Amino acid sequence: MAAMAALQSSMTALSLSSNSFLGQRFSIPPSLSPLHIKPRENPCLIVVKLKRWERKECKPNSLPVLHKMHVKVGDTIKVISGRDKGKIGEISKIFKHNSTIVVKDINLKTKHMKSRGEDQPGQIIKIEAPIHSSNVMLYSKEKEVTSRVGHKVLDNGKKVRYLIKTGEILDSEENWKKLKEAAKEKTEVAAAAPAADTGAAS
């Protein structure tokens, strides 16, 4: 009995009190609690993978962010920086998601085409690579000068672009007619190509 009493007294001496440090429950400070984390005020834009070497920003609705540009398709421009500095050409295509343009016979790149059968052998061709719109300025063929672009409203209420140096109006009805005719010719050629292929095959 004496041994049991001695053992019981030693166990009570070693027992941890509720007020001791090791006996207390560990509590997380409210500043570190995950429930008190503030959400980001300005969430980052969604990035869509366009190509391996090129990405474009998108809106929350997954549509691409389009940038305003001072040039349009059909404008005559002059390159002011880069390898083709000083060359003059006409814009054939624009890309608003990254503010780049394609100009006829400017910034040519070499592309190696693989053969796709006996009818289409491999070849080396030249293609027009896009350049940034900040590297070009609008050009006047009549005055042979480059100029910045301005905007004004005509008497009929139509807002047009014009060259600040010369006053030449860029968005005229003649230019729009030329662009429409060129687009029609392209669609006619594209529609006639499959018909010619089917006729040759038959």
C-alpha atoms as a PDB file:
ATOM      1  CA  MET A   1       0.000   0.000   0.000  1.00  0.00           C
ATOM      2  CA  ALA A   2       2.858   2.344   0.771  1.00  0.00           C
ATOM      3  CA  ALA A   3       4.343   1.722  -2.676  1.00  0.00           C
ATOM      4  CA  MET A   4       1.055   2.531  -4.390  1.00  0.00           C
ATOM      5  CA  ALA A   5       0.712   5.768  -2.410  1.00  0.00           C
ATOM      6  CA  ALA A   6       4.256   6.823  -3.305  1.00  0.00           C
ATOM      7  CA  LEU A   7       3.610   6.105  -7.011  1.00  0.00           C
ATOM      8  CA  GLN A   8       0.382   8.088  -6.962  1.00  0.00           C
ATOM      9  CA  SER A   9       2.051  11.080  -5.311  1.00  0.00           C
ATOM     10  CA  SER A  10       4.862  11.071  -7.913  1.00  0.00           C
ATOM     11  CA  MET A  11       2.355  11.010 -10.801  1.00  0.00           C
ATOM     12  CA  THR A  12       0.459  13.963  -9.390  1.00  0.00           C
ATOM     13  CA  ALA A  13       3.716  15.894  -9.036  1.00  0.00           C
ATOM     14  CA  LEU A  14       4.559  15.277 -12.692  1.00  0.00           C
ATOM     15  CA  SER A  15       1.056  16.078 -14.009  1.00  0.00           C
ATOM     16  CA  LEU A  16       0.716  19.339 -15.964  1.00  0.00           C
ATOM     17  CA  SER A  17      -1.498  22.002 -14.546  1.00  0.00           C
ATOM     18  CA  SER A  18      -4.049  23.770 -16.726  1.00  0.00           C
ATOM     19  CA  ASN A  19      -2.214  27.060 -16.129  1.00  0.00           C
ATOM     20  CA  SER A  20       1.164  25.801 -17.359  1.00  0.00           C
ATOM     21  CA  PHE A  21       2.485  26.805 -20.790  1.00  0.00           C
ATOM     22  CA  LEU A  22       2.540  23.286 -22.200  1.00  0.00           C
ATOM     23  CA  GLY A  23      -0.954  22.594 -20.949  1.00  0.00           C
ATOM     24  CA  GLN A  24      -2.534  25.565 -22.728  1.00  0.00           C
ATOM     25  CA  ARG A  25      -4.188  25.225 -26.143  1.00  0.00           C
ATOM     26  CA  PHE A  26      -2.240  26.881 -28.940  1.00  0.00           C
ATOM     27  CA  SER A  27      -4.272  29.738 -30.439  1.00  0.00           C
ATOM     28  CA  ILE A  28      -3.633  31.456 -33.812  1.00  0.00           C
ATOM     29  CA  PRO A  29      -3.494  35.245 -33.643  1.00  0.00           C
ATOM     30  CA  PRO A  30      -6.389  36.900 -35.490  1.00  0.00           C
ATOM     31  CA  SER A  31      -3.958  38.773 -37.739  1.00  0.00           C
ATOM     32  CA  LEU A  32      -2.654  35.442 -39.112  1.00  0.00           C
ATOM     33  CA  SER A  33      -6.025  33.749 -39.413  1.00  0.00           C
ATOM     34  CA  PRO A  34      -6.886  32.719 -43.004  1.00  0.00           C
ATOM     35  CA  LEU A  35     -10.422  34.044 -42.528  1.00  0.00           C
ATOM     36  CA  HIS A  36      -9.125  37.617 -42.255  1.00  0.00           C
ATOM     37  CA  ILE A  37      -7.176  37.694 -45.555  1.00  0.00           C
ATOM     38  CA  LYS A  38      -8.299  40.674 -47.630  1.00  0.00           C
ATOM     39  CA  PRO A  39      -9.094  40.016 -51.319  1.00  0.00           C
ATOM     40  CA  ARG A  40      -7.060  41.817 -53.968  1.00  0.00           C
ATOM     41  CA  GLU A  41      -8.621  45.103 -54.986  1.00  0.00           C
ATOM     42  CA  ASN A  42      -7.382  44.985 -58.603  1.00  0.00           C
ATOM     43  CA  PRO A  43      -7.384  41.378 -59.828  1.00  0.00           C
ATOM     44  CA  CYS A  44      -4.965  40.676 -62.659  1.00  0.00           C
ATOM     45  CA  LEU A  45      -6.280  40.316 -66.202  1.00  0.00           C
ATOM     46  CA  ILE A  46      -6.766  36.875 -67.686  1.00  0.00           C
ATOM     47  CA  VAL A  47      -3.875  35.852 -69.949  1.00  0.00           C
ATOM     48  CA  VAL A  48      -4.838  33.620 -72.862  1.00  0.00           C
ATOM     49  CA  LYS A  49      -2.189  31.518 -74.566  1.00  0.00           C
ATOM     50  CA  LEU A  50      -2.120  32.636 -78.195  1.00  0.00           C
ATOM     51  CA  LYS A  51       1.229  31.123 -79.196  1.00  0.00           C
ATOM     52  CA  ARG A  52       4.279  29.876 -77.407  1.00  0.00           C
ATOM     53  CA  TRP A  53       6.158  33.132 -77.959  1.00  0.00           C
ATOM     54  CA  GLU A  54       3.209  35.541 -77.839  1.00  0.00           C
ATOM     55  CA  ARG A  55       0.517  36.193 -75.239  1.00  0.00           C
ATOM     56  CA  LYS A  56      -2.316  38.689 -75.289  1.00  0.00           C
ATOM     57  CA  GLU A  57      -4.218  40.327 -72.468  1.00  0.00           C
ATOM     58  CA  CYS A  58      -7.919  39.633 -72.128  1.00  0.00           C
ATOM     59  CA  LYS A  59     -10.853  41.219 -70.333  1.00  0.00           C
ATOM     60  CA  PRO A  60     -12.732  39.377 -67.566  1.00  0.00           C
ATOM     61  CA  ASN A  61     -15.140  38.123 -70.258  1.00  0.00           C
ATOM     62  CA  SER A  62     -12.184  36.495 -72.105  1.00  0.00           C
ATOM     63  CA  LEU A  63     -12.326  38.919 -75.047  1.00  0.00           C
ATOM     64  CA  PRO A  64      -8.977  40.409 -76.128  1.00  0.00           C
ATOM     65  CA  VAL A  65      -8.068  43.943 -75.083  1.00  0.00           C
ATOM     66  CA  LEU A  66      -7.986  46.022 -78.292  1.00  0.00           C
ATOM     67  CA  HIS A  67      -5.650  49.025 -78.502  1.00  0.00           C
ATOM     68  CA  LYS A  68      -6.417  52.274 -80.289  1.00  0.00           C
ATOM     69  CA  MET A  69      -4.190  52.846 -83.323  1.00  0.00           C
ATOM     70  CA  HIS A  70      -3.450  55.949 -85.403  1.00  0.00           C
ATOM     71  CA  VAL A  71      -3.345  53.982 -88.686  1.00  0.00           C
ATOM     72  CA  LYS A  72      -5.866  51.930 -90.659  1.00  0.00           C
ATOM     73  CA  VAL A  73      -5.844  49.480 -93.554  1.00  0.00           C
ATOM     74  CA  GLY A  74      -5.022  51.254 -96.821  1.00  0.00           C
ATOM     75  CA  ASP A  75      -2.993  54.107 -95.276  1.00  0.00           C
ATOM     76  CA  THR A  76       0.350  55.052 -96.820  1.00  0.00           C
ATOM     77  CA  ILE A  77       3.068  55.096 -94.169  1.00  0.00           C
ATOM     78  CA  LYS A  78       6.815  55.605 -93.828  1.00  0.00           C
ATOM     79  CA  VAL A  79       8.977  53.514 -91.513  1.00  0.00           C
ATOM     80  CA  ILE A  80      10.836  55.770 -89.056  1.00  0.00           C
ATOM     81  CA  SER A  81      12.892  53.178 -87.146  1.00  0.00           C
ATOM     82  CA  GLY A  82      14.262  49.687 -87.538  1.00  0.00           C
ATOM     83  CA  ARG A  83      15.965  47.787 -90.333  1.00  0.00           C
ATOM     84  CA  ASP A  84      13.628  49.159 -93.028  1.00  0.00           C
ATOM     85  CA  LYS A  85      13.881  52.789 -91.913  1.00  0.00           C
ATOM     86  CA  GLY A  86      12.940  55.230 -94.676  1.00  0.00           C
ATOM     87  CA  LYS A  87      10.844  52.801 -96.746  1.00  0.00           C
ATOM     88  CA  ILE A  88       7.329  53.709 -97.857  1.00  0.00           C
ATOM     89  CA  GLY A  89       4.463  51.247 -98.196  1.00  0.00           C
ATOM     90  CA  GLU A  90       0.748  50.613 -97.802  1.00  0.00           C
ATOM     91  CA  ILE A  91      -0.845  48.877 -94.829  1.00  0.00           C
ATOM     92  CA  SER A  92      -2.504  45.600 -95.754  1.00  0.00           C
ATOM     93  CA  LYS A  93      -3.446  44.235 -92.323  1.00  0.00           C
ATOM     94  CA  ILE A  94      -3.622  45.393 -88.687  1.00  0.00           C
ATOM     95  CA  PHE A  95      -3.685  43.520 -85.365  1.00  0.00           C
ATOM     96  CA  LYS A  96      -5.301  45.578 -82.598  1.00  0.00           C
ATOM     97  CA  HIS A  97      -4.592  43.156 -79.743  1.00  0.00           C
ATOM     98  CA  ASN A  98      -0.836  43.929 -79.895  1.00  0.00           C
ATOM     99  CA  SER A  99      -0.751  47.152 -81.994  1.00  0.00           C
ATOM    100  CA  THR A 100       1.119  45.644 -84.944  1.00  0.00           C
ATOM    101  CA  ILE A 101       0.625  46.127 -88.686  1.00  0.00           C
ATOM    102  CA  VAL A 102       1.617  44.376 -91.909  1.00  0.00           C
ATOM    103  CA  VAL A 103       2.973  46.599 -94.708  1.00  0.00           C
ATOM    104  CA  LYS A 104       3.375  45.503 -98.318  1.00  0.00           C
ATOM    105  CA  ASP A 105       6.986  44.596 -99.252  1.00  0.00           C
ATOM    106  CA  ILE A 106       8.364  45.751 -95.873  1.00  0.00           C
ATOM    107  CA  ASN A 107       9.985  43.652 -93.118  1.00  0.00           C
ATOM    108  CA  LEU A 108      10.267  40.579 -95.317  1.00  0.00           C
ATOM    109  CA  LYS A 109      11.184  37.301 -93.622  1.00  0.00           C
ATOM    110  CA  THR A 110      12.361  34.033 -95.149  1.00  0.00           C
ATOM    111  CA  LYS A 111      10.121  31.022 -94.578  1.00  0.00           C
ATOM    112  CA  HIS A 112      10.989  27.432 -95.478  1.00  0.00           C
ATOM    113  CA  MET A 113       7.916  25.548 -96.664  1.00  0.00           C
ATOM    114  CA  LYS A 114       7.834  21.772 -96.384  1.00  0.00           C
ATOM    115  CA  SER A 115       6.603  19.669 -99.268  1.00  0.00           C
ATOM    116  CA  ARG A 116       2.990  18.520 -99.028  1.00  0.00           C
ATOM    117  CA  GLY A 117       3.013  15.858-101.669  1.00  0.00           C
ATOM    118  CA  GLU A 118       4.146  15.622-105.263  1.00  0.00           C
ATOM    119  CA  ASP A 119       1.999  18.569-106.383  1.00  0.00           C
ATOM    120  CA  GLN A 120       3.431  20.965-103.764  1.00  0.00           C
ATOM    121  CA  PRO A 121       7.216  20.612-103.444  1.00  0.00           C
ATOM    122  CA  GLY A 122       9.211  22.337-100.707  1.00  0.00           C
ATOM    123  CA  GLN A 123      10.285  25.915-101.357  1.00  0.00           C
ATOM    124  CA  ILE A 124      11.720  29.039 -99.745  1.00  0.00           C
ATOM    125  CA  ILE A 125       9.410  32.057 -99.813  1.00  0.00           C
ATOM    126  CA  LYS A 126       9.404  35.630 -98.515  1.00  0.00           C
ATOM    127  CA  ILE A 127       6.579  36.748 -96.230  1.00  0.00           C
ATOM    128  CA  GLU A 128       5.711  40.128 -94.723  1.00  0.00           C
ATOM    129  CA  ALA A 129       6.181  40.051 -90.956  1.00  0.00           C
ATOM    130  CA  PRO A 130       4.255  42.482 -88.724  1.00  0.00           C
ATOM    131  CA  ILE A 131       5.911  45.559 -87.227  1.00  0.00           C
ATOM    132  CA  HIS A 132       4.784  47.741 -84.336  1.00  0.00           C
ATOM    133  CA  SER A 133       2.600  50.711 -85.199  1.00  0.00           C
ATOM    134  CA  SER A 134       4.840  53.075 -83.195  1.00  0.00           C
ATOM    135  CA  ASN A 135       7.613  52.541 -85.770  1.00  0.00           C
ATOM    136  CA  VAL A 136       5.645  54.152 -88.622  1.00  0.00           C
ATOM    137  CA  MET A 137       4.219  57.569 -89.469  1.00  0.00           C
ATOM    138  CA  LEU A 138       1.550  58.553 -91.960  1.00  0.00           C
ATOM    139  CA  TYR A 139       2.963  59.757 -95.269  1.00  0.00           C
ATOM    140  CA  SER A 140       1.597  62.221 -97.841  1.00  0.00           C
ATOM    141  CA  LYS A 141       2.362  61.246-101.441  1.00  0.00           C
ATOM    142  CA  GLU A 142       1.511  64.714-102.758  1.00  0.00           C
ATOM    143  CA  LYS A 143       3.779  66.715-100.394  1.00  0.00           C
ATOM    144  CA  GLU A 144       6.208  63.825 -99.792  1.00  0.00           C
ATOM    145  CA  VAL A 145       6.357  64.467 -96.051  1.00  0.00           C
ATOM    146  CA  THR A 146       5.491  62.520 -92.913  1.00  0.00           C
ATOM    147  CA  SER A 147       2.983  63.932 -90.477  1.00  0.00           C
ATOM    148  CA  ARG A 148       1.139  63.204 -87.286  1.00  0.00           C
ATOM    149  CA  VAL A 149      -2.565  62.494 -87.436  1.00  0.00           C
ATOM    150  CA  GLY A 150      -5.347  64.766 -86.234  1.00  0.00           C
ATOM    151  CA  HIS A 151      -9.116  64.402 -85.868  1.00  0.00           C
ATOM    152  CA  LYS A 152     -11.835  66.873 -86.793  1.00  0.00           C
ATOM    153  CA  VAL A 153     -15.563  66.935 -87.481  1.00  0.00           C
ATOM    154  CA  LEU A 154     -16.781  68.010 -90.924  1.00  0.00           C
ATOM    155  CA  ASP A 155     -19.849  70.136 -91.654  1.00  0.00           C
ATOM    156  CA  ASN A 156     -21.959  67.029 -92.252  1.00  0.00           C
ATOM    157  CA  GLY A 157     -21.111  65.744 -88.756  1.00  0.00           C
ATOM    158  CA  LYS A 158     -18.660  63.058 -89.872  1.00  0.00           C
ATOM    159  CA  LYS A 159     -15.478  62.641 -87.821  1.00  0.00           C
ATOM    160  CA  VAL A 160     -12.413  62.115 -90.021  1.00  0.00           C
ATOM    161  CA  ARG A 161      -8.634  61.857 -89.716  1.00  0.00           C
ATOM    162  CA  TYR A 162      -6.315  64.349 -91.400  1.00  0.00           C
ATOM    163  CA  LEU A 163      -2.596  65.059 -91.666  1.00  0.00           C
ATOM    164  CA  ILE A 164      -1.603  67.963 -89.425  1.00  0.00           C
ATOM    165  CA  LYS A 165       1.209  69.224 -91.695  1.00  0.00           C
ATOM    166  CA  THR A 166      -0.667  69.205 -95.000  1.00  0.00           C
ATOM    167  CA  GLY A 167      -4.339  69.171 -93.959  1.00  0.00           C
ATOM    168  CA  GLU A 168      -5.032  66.211 -96.240  1.00  0.00           C
ATOM    169  CA  ILE A 169      -8.114  64.221 -95.215  1.00  0.00           C
ATOM    170  CA  LEU A 170      -7.431  60.485 -94.908  1.00  0.00           C
ATOM    171  CA  ASP A 171     -10.936  59.080 -94.347  1.00  0.00           C
ATOM    172  CA  SER A 172     -12.450  60.284 -97.613  1.00  0.00           C
ATOM    173  CA  GLU A 173     -15.183  58.505 -99.566  1.00  0.00           C
ATOM    174  CA  GLU A 174     -12.764  57.721-102.418  1.00  0.00           C
ATOM    175  CA  ASN A 175     -10.468  55.840-100.079  1.00  0.00           C
ATOM    176  CA  TRP A 176     -13.387  53.850 -98.670  1.00  0.00           C
ATOM    177  CA  LYS A 177     -14.527  52.917-102.183  1.00  0.00           C
ATOM    178  CA  LYS A 178     -11.033  51.711-103.070  1.00  0.00           C
ATOM    179  CA  LEU A 179     -10.884  49.569 -99.938  1.00  0.00           C
ATOM    180  CA  LYS A 180     -14.308  48.056-100.658  1.00  0.00           C
ATOM    181  CA  GLU A 181     -13.336  47.229-104.250  1.00  0.00           C
ATOM    182  CA  ALA A 182     -10.101  45.605-103.097  1.00  0.00           C
ATOM    183  CA  ALA A 183     -12.002  43.520-100.531  1.00  0.00           C
ATOM    184  CA  LYS A 184     -14.486  42.399-103.191  1.00  0.00           C
ATOM    185  CA  GLU A 185     -11.661  41.347-105.510  1.00  0.00           C
ATOM    186  CA  LYS A 186     -10.064  39.301-102.736  1.00  0.00           C
ATOM    187  CA  THR A 187     -13.335  37.519-101.960  1.00  0.00           C
ATOM    188  CA  GLU A 188     -13.946  36.795-105.650  1.00  0.00           C
ATOM    189  CA  VAL A 189     -10.444  35.355-106.066  1.00  0.00           C
ATOM    190  CA  ALA A 190     -10.851  33.242-102.912  1.00  0.00           C
ATOM    191  CA  ALA A 191     -14.209  31.938-104.147  1.00  0.00           C
ATOM    192  CA  ALA A 192     -12.879  31.175-107.636  1.00  0.00           C
ATOM    193  CA  ALA A 193      -9.863  29.197-106.370  1.00  0.00           C
ATOM    194  CA  PRO A 194     -11.831  26.193-104.990  1.00  0.00           C
ATOM    195  CA  ALA A 195     -13.997  26.070-108.122  1.00  0.00           C
ATOM    196  CA  ALA A 196     -10.884  25.898-110.331  1.00  0.00           C
ATOM    197  CA  ASP A 197      -9.418  23.112-108.156  1.00  0.00           C
ATOM    198  CA  THR A 198     -12.603  21.021-108.416  1.00  0.00           C
ATOM    199  CA  GLY A 199     -12.728  21.540-112.220  1.00  0.00           C
ATOM    200  CA  ALA A 200      -9.126  20.417-112.636  1.00  0.00           C
ATOM    201  CA  ALA A 201      -9.690  17.351-110.470  1.00  0.00           C
ATOM    202  CA  SER A 202     -12.713  16.263-112.509  1.00  0.00           C
END
